[in-house]
Amino acid sequence: MFTHDPVIGSPTLTALLDSRDSQSA
């Protein structure tokens, strides 16, 4: 789904994970 992008991949995945964590908790 997501590729190892140094600009889009990292920040995007991190943001999505953070959002999910916030909603879950």
N, C-alpha and C. Protein backbone atom coordinates (compact mmCIF):
# COMPACT_ATOMS: atom_id res chain seq x y z
N MET A 1 0.83 -1.20 0.00
CA MET A 1 0.00 0.00 0.00
C MET A 1 0.88 1.26 0.00
N PHE A 2 1.75 1.36 1.01
CA PHE A 2 2.65 2.51 1.10
C PHE A 2 4.06 2.09 0.76
N THR A 3 4.80 2.97 0.09
CA THR A 3 6.18 2.65 -0.26
C THR A 3 7.14 3.35 0.69
N HIS A 4 8.39 2.89 0.70
CA HIS A 4 9.38 3.49 1.60
C HIS A 4 9.82 4.85 1.06
N ASP A 5 8.97 5.84 1.20
CA ASP A 5 9.32 7.19 0.74
C ASP A 5 9.92 7.98 1.88
N PRO A 6 11.01 8.69 1.63
CA PRO A 6 11.70 9.46 2.67
C PRO A 6 10.93 10.73 3.06
N VAL A 7 9.99 11.13 2.20
CA VAL A 7 9.27 12.37 2.48
C VAL A 7 7.79 12.11 2.75
N ILE A 8 7.19 11.19 1.98
CA ILE A 8 5.75 10.95 2.12
C ILE A 8 5.49 9.74 3.00
N GLY A 9 6.16 8.64 2.72
CA GLY A 9 5.93 7.40 3.46
C GLY A 9 6.08 7.57 4.96
N SER A 10 7.24 8.03 5.40
CA SER A 10 7.49 8.12 6.85
C SER A 10 6.47 9.01 7.56
N PRO A 11 6.38 10.29 7.19
CA PRO A 11 5.46 11.20 7.87
C PRO A 11 4.01 10.73 7.78
N THR A 12 3.63 10.23 6.62
CA THR A 12 2.24 9.80 6.43
C THR A 12 1.92 8.63 7.35
N LEU A 13 2.77 7.61 7.33
CA LEU A 13 2.53 6.44 8.17
C LEU A 13 2.53 6.84 9.63
N THR A 14 3.46 7.69 10.02
CA THR A 14 3.55 8.11 11.42
C THR A 14 2.28 8.85 11.82
N ALA A 15 1.82 9.75 10.97
CA ALA A 15 0.62 10.53 11.28
C ALA A 15 -0.59 9.61 11.42
N LEU A 16 -0.71 8.65 10.48
CA LEU A 16 -1.85 7.73 10.53
C LEU A 16 -1.81 6.91 11.81
N LEU A 17 -0.62 6.42 12.16
CA LEU A 17 -0.49 5.61 13.37
C LEU A 17 -0.84 6.44 14.59
N ASP A 18 -0.35 7.69 14.63
CA ASP A 18 -0.64 8.56 15.77
C ASP A 18 -2.15 8.79 15.89
N SER A 19 -2.79 9.06 14.77
CA SER A 19 -4.23 9.32 14.78
C SER A 19 -4.98 8.10 15.30
N ARG A 20 -4.60 6.92 14.82
CA ARG A 20 -5.28 5.70 15.26
C ARG A 20 -5.06 5.49 16.75
N ASP A 21 -3.83 5.73 17.21
CA ASP A 21 -3.54 5.55 18.63
C ASP A 21 -4.40 6.50 19.46
N SER A 22 -4.50 7.74 19.03
CA SER A 22 -5.28 8.73 19.78
C SER A 22 -6.75 8.29 19.84
N GLN A 23 -7.28 7.84 18.71
CA GLN A 23 -8.69 7.43 18.67
C GLN A 23 -8.90 6.18 19.52
N SER A 24 -7.96 5.23 19.41
CA SER A 24 -8.09 3.97 20.16
C SER A 24 -8.08 4.26 21.66
N ALA A 25 -7.10 5.08 22.07
CA ALA A 25 -6.97 5.39 23.49
C ALA A 25 -8.03 6.42 23.85
